[in-house]
Every structure is written in structure tokens, then in C-alpha cells.
Amino acid sequence: MPHHELSAFEKHIRRIIAQNLKSASWGMTQAELGAKSGIPTSTISGYFAQRSTPSPGNVQRLADALNMPKSAIDPRFDDHLFEEQPGIEDLYKQLSPNRQQIVLHVAQEQLTEQRQQS
């Protein structure tokens, strides 16, 4: 299966997950975390190295193994993740008309690129 280019958001999430896992499992080897969570060590290694993103099920298994909430590993499970930031519409309305045109242009370019990659 061909790999798609990760978005900046996906890369950011992988980085946060890797950092959170490293902090939460400090003093534990990846093999120990794998044994405790039931996730293969090679998969755990991929999370630590930011090569892969854990599925929701694996986030839960890791959270259970580390005795912490899922949101402490993966910020996408934090109920307040998107509440703290204004929506794109609110941000767009605050821009000058000239800057709104720039945003529309960039969005159109991104959509075209996405369609070409699909």
C-alpha cells in the first residue's frame, strides 16, 4: 500500500505521542512496555521513533499499561483540544480582505494537490 505524505498536524501528533510515551514509560524498556500492553515491541518502537501513529485501541492499551488516561498519551483524546482554539471561520473573519484572499489561494492550492495525490 502506498504511503501518503503526512500533514503537519499528523507529524506534530506523532511527535507529541512519542514524547509522552517516553516520559510515561521512563525506566521501562520498550520490550517491557510491549509485554505489559500486549503490543509488539516493533510497533512500540515505531511510536517512539515517530514512524507510526497508534490506533485508538493501542492508545487505550498503552494508557491501561501505564495507568493513565488516553489523553496523557495522545492529545486527540483530550476533550479540550479544539475548544481552546478559535475555529478557522473566526480566524478568517479577523483577517484583512487582502489576507483572506491569500488564505483562499493557499487552501485552493492544497485542495488541488490533495486531489492529485488521491
PDB file of N, CA and C in Angstrom:
ATOM      1  N   MET A   1       0.841  -1.170   0.000  1.00  0.00           N
ATOM      2  CA  MET A   1       0.000   0.000   0.000  1.00  0.00           C
ATOM      3  C   MET A   1       0.896   1.248   0.000  1.00  0.00           C
ATOM      4  N   PRO A   2       0.644   2.203  -0.917  1.00  0.00           N
ATOM      5  CA  PRO A   2       1.494   3.397  -0.967  1.00  0.00           C
ATOM      6  C   PRO A   2       1.261   4.291   0.243  1.00  0.00           C
ATOM      7  N   HIS A   3       2.335   4.944   0.664  1.00  0.00           N
ATOM      8  CA  HIS A   3       2.248   5.837   1.818  1.00  0.00           C
ATOM      9  C   HIS A   3       1.897   7.237   1.339  1.00  0.00           C
ATOM     10  N   HIS A   4       1.083   7.924   2.097  1.00  0.00           N
ATOM     11  CA  HIS A   4       0.781   9.314   1.779  1.00  0.00           C
ATOM     12  C   HIS A   4       1.676  10.225   2.611  1.00  0.00           C
ATOM     13  N   GLU A   5       1.884  11.415   2.119  1.00  0.00           N
ATOM     14  CA  GLU A   5       2.685  12.398   2.847  1.00  0.00           C
ATOM     15  C   GLU A   5       1.904  12.838   4.075  1.00  0.00           C
ATOM     16  N   LEU A   6       2.558  12.828   5.224  1.00  0.00           N
ATOM     17  CA  LEU A   6       1.898  13.236   6.456  1.00  0.00           C
ATOM     18  C   LEU A   6       1.691  14.740   6.476  1.00  0.00           C
ATOM     19  N   SER A   7       0.553  15.147   7.006  1.00  0.00           N
ATOM     20  CA  SER A   7       0.314  16.577   7.184  1.00  0.00           C
ATOM     21  C   SER A   7       1.142  17.072   8.359  1.00  0.00           C
ATOM     22  N   ALA A   8       1.264  18.371   8.469  1.00  0.00           N
ATOM     23  CA  ALA A   8       1.990  18.959   9.598  1.00  0.00           C
ATOM     24  C   ALA A   8       1.327  18.552  10.907  1.00  0.00           C
ATOM     25  N   PHE A   9      -0.002  18.467  10.909  1.00  0.00           N
ATOM     26  CA  PHE A   9      -0.732  18.066  12.115  1.00  0.00           C
ATOM     27  C   PHE A   9      -0.387  16.636  12.501  1.00  0.00           C
ATOM     28  N   GLU A  10      -0.372  15.737  11.519  1.00  0.00           N
ATOM     29  CA  GLU A  10      -0.055  14.332  11.803  1.00  0.00           C
ATOM     30  C   GLU A  10       1.375  14.183  12.336  1.00  0.00           C
ATOM     31  N   LYS A  11       2.308  14.920  11.754  1.00  0.00           N
ATOM     32  CA  LYS A  11       3.686  14.885  12.242  1.00  0.00           C
ATOM     33  C   LYS A  11       3.763  15.417  13.672  1.00  0.00           C
ATOM     34  N   HIS A  12       3.034  16.477  13.931  1.00  0.00           N
ATOM     35  CA  HIS A  12       3.014  17.075  15.269  1.00  0.00           C
ATOM     36  C   HIS A  12       2.441  16.080  16.281  1.00  0.00           C
ATOM     37  N   ILE A  13       1.360  15.411  15.933  1.00  0.00           N
ATOM     38  CA  ILE A  13       0.735  14.424  16.826  1.00  0.00           C
ATOM     39  C   ILE A  13       1.715  13.282  17.110  1.00  0.00           C
ATOM     40  N   ARG A  14       2.395  12.797  16.082  1.00  0.00           N
ATOM     41  CA  ARG A  14       3.377  11.717  16.293  1.00  0.00           C
ATOM     42  C   ARG A  14       4.475  12.162  17.255  1.00  0.00           C
ATOM     43  N   ARG A  15       4.937  13.400  17.094  1.00  0.00           N
ATOM     44  CA  ARG A  15       5.995  13.920  17.963  1.00  0.00           C
ATOM     45  C   ARG A  15       5.511  13.986  19.412  1.00  0.00           C
ATOM     46  N   ILE A  16       4.301  14.487  19.617  1.00  0.00           N
ATOM     47  CA  ILE A  16       3.748  14.582  20.977  1.00  0.00           C
ATOM     48  C   ILE A  16       3.568  13.199  21.591  1.00  0.00           C
ATOM     49  N   ILE A  17       3.009  12.265  20.819  1.00  0.00           N
ATOM     50  CA  ILE A  17       2.802  10.903  21.320  1.00  0.00           C
ATOM     51  C   ILE A  17       4.138  10.278  21.718  1.00  0.00           C
ATOM     52  N   ALA A  18       5.149  10.434  20.864  1.00  0.00           N
ATOM     53  CA  ALA A  18       6.470   9.868  21.172  1.00  0.00           C
ATOM     54  C   ALA A  18       7.027  10.469  22.461  1.00  0.00           C
ATOM     55  N   GLN A  19       6.918  11.784  22.594  1.00  0.00           N
ATOM     56  CA  GLN A  19       7.411  12.441  23.810  1.00  0.00           C
ATOM     57  C   GLN A  19       6.646  11.963  25.044  1.00  0.00           C
ATOM     58  N   ASN A  20       5.328  11.878  24.914  1.00  0.00           N
ATOM     59  CA  ASN A  20       4.508  11.440  26.047  1.00  0.00           C
ATOM     60  C   ASN A  20       4.816   9.999  26.442  1.00  0.00           C
ATOM     61  N   LEU A  21       4.995   9.133  25.454  1.00  0.00           N
ATOM     62  CA  LEU A  21       5.320   7.736  25.752  1.00  0.00           C
ATOM     63  C   LEU A  21       6.684   7.617  26.421  1.00  0.00           C
ATOM     64  N   LYS A  22       7.642   8.377  25.936  1.00  0.00           N
ATOM     65  CA  LYS A  22       8.986   8.331  26.530  1.00  0.00           C
ATOM     66  C   LYS A  22       8.944   8.789  27.985  1.00  0.00           C
ATOM     67  N   SER A  23       8.198   9.845  28.245  1.00  0.00           N
ATOM     68  CA  SER A  23       8.094  10.350  29.624  1.00  0.00           C
ATOM     69  C   SER A  23       7.349   9.371  30.522  1.00  0.00           C
ATOM     70  N   ALA A  24       6.237   8.864  30.010  1.00  0.00           N
ATOM     71  CA  ALA A  24       5.379   7.994  30.829  1.00  0.00           C
ATOM     72  C   ALA A  24       6.016   6.645  31.118  1.00  0.00           C
ATOM     73  N   SER A  25       6.874   6.180  30.220  1.00  0.00           N
ATOM     74  CA  SER A  25       7.473   4.853  30.397  1.00  0.00           C
ATOM     75  C   SER A  25       8.925   4.943  30.836  1.00  0.00           C
ATOM     76  N   TRP A  26       9.325   6.074  31.365  1.00  0.00           N
ATOM     77  CA  TRP A  26      10.707   6.261  31.792  1.00  0.00           C
ATOM     78  C   TRP A  26      11.097   5.149  32.765  1.00  0.00           C
ATOM     79  N   GLY A  27      12.266   4.559  32.550  1.00  0.00           N
ATOM     80  CA  GLY A  27      12.735   3.478  33.392  1.00  0.00           C
ATOM     81  C   GLY A  27      12.240   2.109  32.940  1.00  0.00           C
ATOM     82  N   MET A  28      11.467   2.081  31.896  1.00  0.00           N
ATOM     83  CA  MET A  28      10.912   0.829  31.371  1.00  0.00           C
ATOM     84  C   MET A  28      11.437   0.667  29.943  1.00  0.00           C
ATOM     85  N   THR A  29      11.798  -0.533  29.559  1.00  0.00           N
ATOM     86  CA  THR A  29      12.239  -0.752  28.181  1.00  0.00           C
ATOM     87  C   THR A  29      11.016  -0.837  27.271  1.00  0.00           C
ATOM     88  N   GLN A  30      11.261  -0.678  25.993  1.00  0.00           N
ATOM     89  CA  GLN A  30      10.164  -0.819  25.037  1.00  0.00           C
ATOM     90  C   GLN A  30       9.615  -2.249  25.060  1.00  0.00           C
ATOM     91  N   ALA A  31      10.487  -3.210  25.273  1.00  0.00           N
ATOM     92  CA  ALA A  31      10.036  -4.610  25.370  1.00  0.00           C
ATOM     93  C   ALA A  31       9.123  -4.799  26.578  1.00  0.00           C
ATOM     94  N   GLU A  32       9.471  -4.170  27.693  1.00  0.00           N
ATOM     95  CA  GLU A  32       8.623  -4.267  28.892  1.00  0.00           C
ATOM     96  C   GLU A  32       7.259  -3.606  28.648  1.00  0.00           C
ATOM     97  N   LEU A  33       7.286  -2.444  27.995  1.00  0.00           N
ATOM     98  CA  LEU A  33       6.022  -1.776  27.685  1.00  0.00           C
ATOM     99  C   LEU A  33       5.200  -2.626  26.729  1.00  0.00           C
ATOM    100  N   GLY A  34       5.866  -3.247  25.770  1.00  0.00           N
ATOM    101  CA  GLY A  34       5.164  -4.130  24.839  1.00  0.00           C
ATOM    102  C   GLY A  34       4.520  -5.303  25.551  1.00  0.00           C
ATOM    103  N   ALA A  35       5.275  -5.916  26.457  1.00  0.00           N
ATOM    104  CA  ALA A  35       4.739  -7.064  27.201  1.00  0.00           C
ATOM    105  C   ALA A  35       3.568  -6.648  28.085  1.00  0.00           C
ATOM    106  N   LYS A  36       3.694  -5.496  28.705  1.00  0.00           N
ATOM    107  CA  LYS A  36       2.651  -5.026  29.617  1.00  0.00           C
ATOM    108  C   LYS A  36       1.377  -4.609  28.868  1.00  0.00           C
ATOM    109  N   SER A  37       1.549  -4.080  27.645  1.00  0.00           N
ATOM    110  CA  SER A  37       0.397  -3.601  26.880  1.00  0.00           C
ATOM    111  C   SER A  37      -0.139  -4.633  25.895  1.00  0.00           C
ATOM    112  N   GLY A  38       0.669  -5.654  25.596  1.00  0.00           N
ATOM    113  CA  GLY A  38       0.258  -6.635  24.595  1.00  0.00           C
ATOM    114  C   GLY A  38       0.499  -6.163  23.169  1.00  0.00           C
ATOM    115  N   ILE A  39       1.283  -5.111  23.006  1.00  0.00           N
ATOM    116  CA  ILE A  39       1.602  -4.560  21.689  1.00  0.00           C
ATOM    117  C   ILE A  39       3.028  -4.995  21.341  1.00  0.00           C
ATOM    118  N   PRO A  40       3.260  -5.486  20.120  1.00  0.00           N
ATOM    119  CA  PRO A  40       4.606  -5.929  19.760  1.00  0.00           C
ATOM    120  C   PRO A  40       5.649  -4.822  19.939  1.00  0.00           C
ATOM    121  N   THR A  41       6.840  -5.222  20.353  1.00  0.00           N
ATOM    122  CA  THR A  41       7.922  -4.265  20.574  1.00  0.00           C
ATOM    123  C   THR A  41       8.235  -3.471  19.310  1.00  0.00           C
ATOM    124  N   SER A  42       8.150  -4.110  18.166  1.00  0.00           N
ATOM    125  CA  SER A  42       8.427  -3.400  16.902  1.00  0.00           C
ATOM    126  C   SER A  42       7.423  -2.279  16.671  1.00  0.00           C
ATOM    127  N   THR A  43       6.192  -2.496  17.079  1.00  0.00           N
ATOM    128  CA  THR A  43       5.160  -1.464  16.946  1.00  0.00           C
ATOM    129  C   THR A  43       5.428  -0.325  17.926  1.00  0.00           C
ATOM    130  N   ILE A  44       5.774  -0.683  19.165  1.00  0.00           N
ATOM    131  CA  ILE A  44       6.120   0.317  20.185  1.00  0.00           C
ATOM    132  C   ILE A  44       7.288   1.168  19.672  1.00  0.00           C
ATOM    133  N   SER A  45       8.286   0.525  19.090  1.00  0.00           N
ATOM    134  CA  SER A  45       9.448   1.215  18.551  1.00  0.00           C
ATOM    135  C   SER A  45       9.037   2.231  17.489  1.00  0.00           C
ATOM    136  N   GLY A  46       8.083   1.866  16.666  1.00  0.00           N
ATOM    137  CA  GLY A  46       7.577   2.781  15.636  1.00  0.00           C
ATOM    138  C   GLY A  46       6.936   4.017  16.233  1.00  0.00           C
ATOM    139  N   TYR A  47       6.232   3.854  17.350  1.00  0.00           N
ATOM    140  CA  TYR A  47       5.628   5.010  18.020  1.00  0.00           C
ATOM    141  C   TYR A  47       6.709   5.928  18.604  1.00  0.00           C
ATOM    142  N   PHE A  48       7.713   5.319  19.233  1.00  0.00           N
ATOM    143  CA  PHE A  48       8.797   6.090  19.845  1.00  0.00           C
ATOM    144  C   PHE A  48       9.595   6.859  18.786  1.00  0.00           C
ATOM    145  N   ALA A  49       9.776   6.250  17.626  1.00  0.00           N
ATOM    146  CA  ALA A  49      10.571   6.851  16.554  1.00  0.00           C
ATOM    147  C   ALA A  49       9.735   7.725  15.620  1.00  0.00           C
ATOM    148  N   GLN A  50       8.463   7.880  15.925  1.00  0.00           N
ATOM    149  CA  GLN A  50       7.547   8.708  15.134  1.00  0.00           C
ATOM    150  C   GLN A  50       7.353   8.177  13.712  1.00  0.00           C
ATOM    151  N   ARG A  51       7.509   6.862  13.539  1.00  0.00           N
ATOM    152  CA  ARG A  51       7.285   6.234  12.239  1.00  0.00           C
ATOM    153  C   ARG A  51       5.829   5.849  12.036  1.00  0.00           C
ATOM    154  N   SER A  52       5.093   5.739  13.136  1.00  0.00           N
ATOM    155  CA  SER A  52       3.684   5.341  13.030  1.00  0.00           C
ATOM    156  C   SER A  52       2.890   5.977  14.156  1.00  0.00           C
ATOM    157  N   THR A  53       1.589   6.000  13.945  1.00  0.00           N
ATOM    158  CA  THR A  53       0.657   6.589  14.907  1.00  0.00           C
ATOM    159  C   THR A  53      -0.183   5.461  15.488  1.00  0.00           C
ATOM    160  N   PRO A  54      -0.293   5.380  16.804  1.00  0.00           N
ATOM    161  CA  PRO A  54      -1.089   4.291  17.388  1.00  0.00           C
ATOM    162  C   PRO A  54      -2.571   4.431  17.070  1.00  0.00           C
ATOM    163  N   SER A  55      -3.193   3.294  16.857  1.00  0.00           N
ATOM    164  CA  SER A  55      -4.645   3.262  16.671  1.00  0.00           C
ATOM    165  C   SER A  55      -5.307   3.626  17.999  1.00  0.00           C
ATOM    166  N   PRO A  56      -6.577   4.018  17.964  1.00  0.00           N
ATOM    167  CA  PRO A  56      -7.267   4.301  19.234  1.00  0.00           C
ATOM    168  C   PRO A  56      -7.219   3.123  20.204  1.00  0.00           C
ATOM    169  N   GLY A  57      -7.315   1.907  19.676  1.00  0.00           N
ATOM    170  CA  GLY A  57      -7.247   0.728  20.537  1.00  0.00           C
ATOM    171  C   GLY A  57      -5.891   0.587  21.206  1.00  0.00           C
ATOM    172  N   ASN A  58      -4.835   0.854  20.444  1.00  0.00           N
ATOM    173  CA  ASN A  58      -3.499   0.753  21.030  1.00  0.00           C
ATOM    174  C   ASN A  58      -3.223   1.897  21.996  1.00  0.00           C
ATOM    175  N   VAL A  59      -3.794   3.070  21.748  1.00  0.00           N
ATOM    176  CA  VAL A  59      -3.653   4.160  22.721  1.00  0.00           C
ATOM    177  C   VAL A  59      -4.268   3.720  24.049  1.00  0.00           C
ATOM    178  N   GLN A  60      -5.424   3.062  23.975  1.00  0.00           N
ATOM    179  CA  GLN A  60      -6.083   2.586  25.200  1.00  0.00           C
ATOM    180  C   GLN A  60      -5.235   1.527  25.892  1.00  0.00           C
ATOM    181  N   ARG A  61      -4.662   0.607  25.124  1.00  0.00           N
ATOM    182  CA  ARG A  61      -3.825  -0.440  25.712  1.00  0.00           C
ATOM    183  C   ARG A  61      -2.594   0.154  26.387  1.00  0.00           C
ATOM    184  N   LEU A  62      -1.998   1.162  25.738  1.00  0.00           N
ATOM    185  CA  LEU A  62      -0.842   1.833  26.335  1.00  0.00           C
ATOM    186  C   LEU A  62      -1.246   2.587  27.599  1.00  0.00           C
ATOM    187  N   ALA A  63      -2.373   3.267  27.534  1.00  0.00           N
ATOM    188  CA  ALA A  63      -2.858   4.015  28.701  1.00  0.00           C
ATOM    189  C   ALA A  63      -3.129   3.070  29.870  1.00  0.00           C
ATOM    190  N   ASP A  64      -3.744   1.939  29.576  1.00  0.00           N
ATOM    191  CA  ASP A  64      -4.020   0.958  30.637  1.00  0.00           C
ATOM    192  C   ASP A  64      -2.707   0.428  31.218  1.00  0.00           C
ATOM    193  N   ALA A  65      -1.739   0.135  30.353  1.00  0.00           N
ATOM    194  CA  ALA A  65      -0.450  -0.412  30.811  1.00  0.00           C
ATOM    195  C   ALA A  65       0.314   0.602  31.657  1.00  0.00           C
ATOM    196  N   LEU A  66       0.141   1.881  31.347  1.00  0.00           N
ATOM    197  CA  LEU A  66       0.866   2.934  32.070  1.00  0.00           C
ATOM    198  C   LEU A  66       0.017   3.584  33.159  1.00  0.00           C
ATOM    199  N   ASN A  67      -1.205   3.072  33.311  1.00  0.00           N
ATOM    200  CA  ASN A  67      -2.119   3.557  34.352  1.00  0.00           C
ATOM    201  C   ASN A  67      -2.337   5.074  34.268  1.00  0.00           C
ATOM    202  N   MET A  68      -2.763   5.499  33.073  1.00  0.00           N
ATOM    203  CA  MET A  68      -3.011   6.919  32.852  1.00  0.00           C
ATOM    204  C   MET A  68      -4.134   7.093  31.830  1.00  0.00           C
ATOM    205  N   PRO A  69      -4.721   8.271  31.736  1.00  0.00           N
ATOM    206  CA  PRO A  69      -5.771   8.487  30.737  1.00  0.00           C
ATOM    207  C   PRO A  69      -5.191   8.513  29.324  1.00  0.00           C
ATOM    208  N   LYS A  70      -6.009   8.168  28.350  1.00  0.00           N
ATOM    209  CA  LYS A  70      -5.569   8.171  26.954  1.00  0.00           C
ATOM    210  C   LYS A  70      -5.042   9.539  26.529  1.00  0.00           C
ATOM    211  N   SER A  71      -5.671  10.589  27.034  1.00  0.00           N
ATOM    212  CA  SER A  71      -5.273  11.944  26.636  1.00  0.00           C
ATOM    213  C   SER A  71      -3.861  12.300  27.103  1.00  0.00           C
ATOM    214  N   ALA A  72      -3.334  11.578  28.087  1.00  0.00           N
ATOM    215  CA  ALA A  72      -1.959  11.823  28.541  1.00  0.00           C
ATOM    216  C   ALA A  72      -0.940  11.261  27.546  1.00  0.00           C
ATOM    217  N   ILE A  73      -1.407  10.402  26.650  1.00  0.00           N
ATOM    218  CA  ILE A  73      -0.545   9.834  25.609  1.00  0.00           C
ATOM    219  C   ILE A  73      -0.818  10.525  24.271  1.00  0.00           C
ATOM    220  N   ASP A  74      -2.079  10.594  23.912  1.00  0.00           N
ATOM    221  CA  ASP A  74      -2.483  11.142  22.620  1.00  0.00           C
ATOM    222  C   ASP A  74      -3.405  12.335  22.852  1.00  0.00           C
ATOM    223  N   PRO A  75      -2.969  13.542  22.524  1.00  0.00           N
ATOM    224  CA  PRO A  75      -3.781  14.729  22.809  1.00  0.00           C
ATOM    225  C   PRO A  75      -5.093  14.781  22.048  1.00  0.00           C
ATOM    226  N   ARG A  76      -5.253  13.956  21.029  1.00  0.00           N
ATOM    227  CA  ARG A  76      -6.530  13.951  20.297  1.00  0.00           C
ATOM    228  C   ARG A  76      -7.671  13.420  21.155  1.00  0.00           C
ATOM    229  N   PHE A  77      -7.347  12.768  22.269  1.00  0.00           N
ATOM    230  CA  PHE A  77      -8.382  12.274  23.176  1.00  0.00           C
ATOM    231  C   PHE A  77      -8.699  13.273  24.278  1.00  0.00           C
ATOM    232  N   ASP A  78      -8.088  14.443  24.226  1.00  0.00           N
ATOM    233  CA  ASP A  78      -8.357  15.499  25.202  1.00  0.00           C
ATOM    234  C   ASP A  78      -9.602  16.250  24.748  1.00  0.00           C
ATOM    235  N   ASP A  79     -10.634  16.251  25.563  1.00  0.00           N
ATOM    236  CA  ASP A  79     -11.890  16.914  25.212  1.00  0.00           C
ATOM    237  C   ASP A  79     -11.719  18.405  24.956  1.00  0.00           C
ATOM    238  N   HIS A  80     -10.664  18.990  25.460  1.00  0.00           N
ATOM    239  CA  HIS A  80     -10.474  20.433  25.337  1.00  0.00           C
ATOM    240  C   HIS A  80      -9.493  20.818  24.236  1.00  0.00           C
ATOM    241  N   LEU A  81      -9.022  19.850  23.465  1.00  0.00           N
ATOM    242  CA  LEU A  81      -8.005  20.117  22.453  1.00  0.00           C
ATOM    243  C   LEU A  81      -8.436  21.200  21.481  1.00  0.00           C
ATOM    244  N   PHE A  82      -9.659  21.095  20.984  1.00  0.00           N
ATOM    245  CA  PHE A  82     -10.092  22.038  19.966  1.00  0.00           C
ATOM    246  C   PHE A  82     -10.927  23.181  20.532  1.00  0.00           C
ATOM    247  N   GLU A  83     -11.364  23.072  21.763  1.00  0.00           N
ATOM    248  CA  GLU A  83     -12.159  24.131  22.371  1.00  0.00           C
ATOM    249  C   GLU A  83     -11.334  25.373  22.644  1.00  0.00           C
ATOM    250  N   GLU A  84     -10.061  25.203  22.952  1.00  0.00           N
ATOM    251  CA  GLU A  84      -9.215  26.316  23.355  1.00  0.00           C
ATOM    252  C   GLU A  84      -8.811  27.198  22.181  1.00  0.00           C
ATOM    253  N   GLN A  85      -8.961  26.721  20.975  1.00  0.00           N
ATOM    254  CA  GLN A  85      -8.539  27.484  19.818  1.00  0.00           C
ATOM    255  C   GLN A  85      -9.753  27.923  19.017  1.00  0.00           C
ATOM    256  N   PRO A  86      -9.704  29.145  18.475  1.00  0.00           N
ATOM    257  CA  PRO A  86     -10.833  29.607  17.668  1.00  0.00           C
ATOM    258  C   PRO A  86     -10.935  28.784  16.391  1.00  0.00           C
ATOM    259  N   GLY A  87     -12.139  28.680  15.860  1.00  0.00           N
ATOM    260  CA  GLY A  87     -12.351  27.960  14.615  1.00  0.00           C
ATOM    261  C   GLY A  87     -11.766  28.715  13.442  1.00  0.00           C
ATOM    262  N   ILE A  88     -11.574  28.018  12.346  1.00  0.00           N
ATOM    263  CA  ILE A  88     -10.967  28.646  11.176  1.00  0.00           C
ATOM    264  C   ILE A  88     -11.831  29.794  10.662  1.00  0.00           C
ATOM    265  N   GLU A  89     -13.151  29.662  10.765  1.00  0.00           N
ATOM    266  CA  GLU A  89     -14.026  30.735  10.311  1.00  0.00           C
ATOM    267  C   GLU A  89     -13.805  32.008  11.123  1.00  0.00           C
ATOM    268  N   ASP A  90     -13.653  31.849  12.440  1.00  0.00           N
ATOM    269  CA  ASP A  90     -13.411  33.007  13.302  1.00  0.00           C
ATOM    270  C   ASP A  90     -12.082  33.679  12.963  1.00  0.00           C
ATOM    271  N   LEU A  91     -11.064  32.870  12.738  1.00  0.00           N
ATOM    272  CA  LEU A  91      -9.761  33.424  12.376  1.00  0.00           C
ATOM    273  C   LEU A  91      -9.835  34.150  11.033  1.00  0.00           C
ATOM    274  N   TYR A  92     -10.503  33.520  10.081  1.00  0.00           N
ATOM    275  CA  TYR A  92     -10.623  34.092   8.732  1.00  0.00           C
ATOM    276  C   TYR A  92     -11.306  35.455   8.779  1.00  0.00           C
ATOM    277  N   LYS A  93     -12.354  35.571   9.563  1.00  0.00           N
ATOM    278  CA  LYS A  93     -13.098  36.830   9.663  1.00  0.00           C
ATOM    279  C   LYS A  93     -12.254  37.956  10.249  1.00  0.00           C
ATOM    280  N   GLN A  94     -11.242  37.610  11.026  1.00  0.00           N
ATOM    281  CA  GLN A  94     -10.387  38.626  11.641  1.00  0.00           C
ATOM    282  C   GLN A  94      -9.310  39.149  10.689  1.00  0.00           C
ATOM    283  N   LEU A  95      -9.112  38.466   9.572  1.00  0.00           N
ATOM    284  CA  LEU A  95      -8.092  38.877   8.611  1.00  0.00           C
ATOM    285  C   LEU A  95      -8.584  40.017   7.733  1.00  0.00           C
ATOM    286  N   SER A  96      -7.639  40.813   7.245  1.00  0.00           N
ATOM    287  CA  SER A  96      -7.975  41.862   6.280  1.00  0.00           C
ATOM    288  C   SER A  96      -8.396  41.187   4.977  1.00  0.00           C
ATOM    289  N   PRO A  97      -9.150  41.890   4.110  1.00  0.00           N
ATOM    290  CA  PRO A  97      -9.569  41.277   2.826  1.00  0.00           C
ATOM    291  C   PRO A  97      -8.390  40.758   2.010  1.00  0.00           C
ATOM    292  N   ASN A  98      -7.272  41.461   2.013  1.00  0.00           N
ATOM    293  CA  ASN A  98      -6.096  41.018   1.272  1.00  0.00           C
ATOM    294  C   ASN A  98      -5.579  39.690   1.819  1.00  0.00           C
ATOM    295  N   ARG A  99      -5.522  39.552   3.129  1.00  0.00           N
ATOM    296  CA  ARG A  99      -5.040  38.314   3.738  1.00  0.00           C
ATOM    297  C   ARG A  99      -6.062  37.181   3.572  1.00  0.00           C
ATOM    298  N   GLN A 100      -7.336  37.508   3.545  1.00  0.00           N
ATOM    299  CA  GLN A 100      -8.361  36.489   3.289  1.00  0.00           C
ATOM    300  C   GLN A 100      -8.148  35.882   1.905  1.00  0.00           C
ATOM    301  N   GLN A 101      -7.779  36.701   0.921  1.00  0.00           N
ATOM    302  CA  GLN A 101      -7.519  36.203  -0.429  1.00  0.00           C
ATOM    303  C   GLN A 101      -6.326  35.253  -0.438  1.00  0.00           C
ATOM    304  N   ILE A 102      -5.314  35.568   0.348  1.00  0.00           N
ATOM    305  CA  ILE A 102      -4.135  34.694   0.439  1.00  0.00           C
ATOM    306  C   ILE A 102      -4.529  33.342   1.017  1.00  0.00           C
ATOM    307  N   VAL A 103      -5.349  33.363   2.077  1.00  0.00           N
ATOM    308  CA  VAL A 103      -5.805  32.115   2.702  1.00  0.00           C
ATOM    309  C   VAL A 103      -6.596  31.282   1.696  1.00  0.00           C
ATOM    310  N   LEU A 104      -7.495  31.919   0.951  1.00  0.00           N
ATOM    311  CA  LEU A 104      -8.284  31.197  -0.045  1.00  0.00           C
ATOM    312  C   LEU A 104      -7.381  30.595  -1.125  1.00  0.00           C
ATOM    313  N   HIS A 105      -6.394  31.345  -1.551  1.00  0.00           N
ATOM    314  CA  HIS A 105      -5.478  30.859  -2.580  1.00  0.00           C
ATOM    315  C   HIS A 105      -4.709  29.631  -2.090  1.00  0.00           C
ATOM    316  N   VAL A 106      -4.172  29.712  -0.892  1.00  0.00           N
ATOM    317  CA  VAL A 106      -3.419  28.579  -0.328  1.00  0.00           C
ATOM    318  C   VAL A 106      -4.335  27.367  -0.153  1.00  0.00           C
ATOM    319  N   ALA A 107      -5.549  27.583   0.324  1.00  0.00           N
ATOM    320  CA  ALA A 107      -6.499  26.476   0.508  1.00  0.00           C
ATOM    321  C   ALA A 107      -6.828  25.820  -0.830  1.00  0.00           C
ATOM    322  N   GLN A 108      -7.000  26.627  -1.870  1.00  0.00           N
ATOM    323  CA  GLN A 108      -7.287  26.067  -3.190  1.00  0.00           C
ATOM    324  C   GLN A 108      -6.103  25.258  -3.713  1.00  0.00           C
ATOM    325  N   GLU A 109      -4.889  25.751  -3.496  1.00  0.00           N
ATOM    326  CA  GLU A 109      -3.693  25.006  -3.900  1.00  0.00           C
ATOM    327  C   GLU A 109      -3.612  23.670  -3.168  1.00  0.00           C
ATOM    328  N   GLN A 110      -3.889  23.686  -1.863  1.00  0.00           N
ATOM    329  CA  GLN A 110      -3.833  22.463  -1.065  1.00  0.00           C
ATOM    330  C   GLN A 110      -4.881  21.456  -1.532  1.00  0.00           C
ATOM    331  N   LEU A 111      -6.068  21.930  -1.850  1.00  0.00           N
ATOM    332  CA  LEU A 111      -7.123  21.041  -2.314  1.00  0.00           C
ATOM    333  C   LEU A 111      -6.756  20.416  -3.658  1.00  0.00           C
ATOM    334  N   THR A 112      -6.206  21.207  -4.554  1.00  0.00           N
ATOM    335  CA  THR A 112      -5.761  20.696  -5.850  1.00  0.00           C
ATOM    336  C   THR A 112      -4.691  19.624  -5.673  1.00  0.00           C
ATOM    337  N   GLU A 113      -3.715  19.911  -4.814  1.00  0.00           N
ATOM    338  CA  GLU A 113      -2.641  18.955  -4.544  1.00  0.00           C
ATOM    339  C   GLU A 113      -3.197  17.665  -3.944  1.00  0.00           C
ATOM    340  N   GLN A 114      -4.137  17.786  -3.009  1.00  0.00           N
ATOM    341  CA  GLN A 114      -4.740  16.611  -2.386  1.00  0.00           C
ATOM    342  C   GLN A 114      -5.467  15.761  -3.413  1.00  0.00           C
ATOM    343  N   ARG A 115      -6.188  16.397  -4.299  1.00  0.00           N
ATOM    344  CA  ARG A 115      -6.932  15.659  -5.330  1.00  0.00           C
ATOM    345  C   ARG A 115      -5.982  14.933  -6.282  1.00  0.00           C
ATOM    346  N   GLN A 116      -4.851  15.551  -6.574  1.00  0.00           N
ATOM    347  CA  GLN A 116      -3.868  14.931  -7.471  1.00  0.00           C
ATOM    348  C   GLN A 116      -3.218  13.719  -6.833  1.00  0.00           C
ATOM    349  N   GLN A 117      -3.082  13.728  -5.505  1.00  0.00           N
ATOM    350  CA  GLN A 117      -2.450  12.623  -4.779  1.00  0.00           C
ATOM    351  C   GLN A 117      -3.406  11.463  -4.543  1.00  0.00           C
ATOM    352  N   SER A 118      -4.689  11.720  -4.672  1.00  0.00           N
ATOM    353  CA  SER A 118      -5.685  10.664  -4.396  1.00  0.00           C
ATOM    354  C   SER A 118      -5.820   9.716  -5.563  1.00  0.00           C
TER     355      SER A 118
END
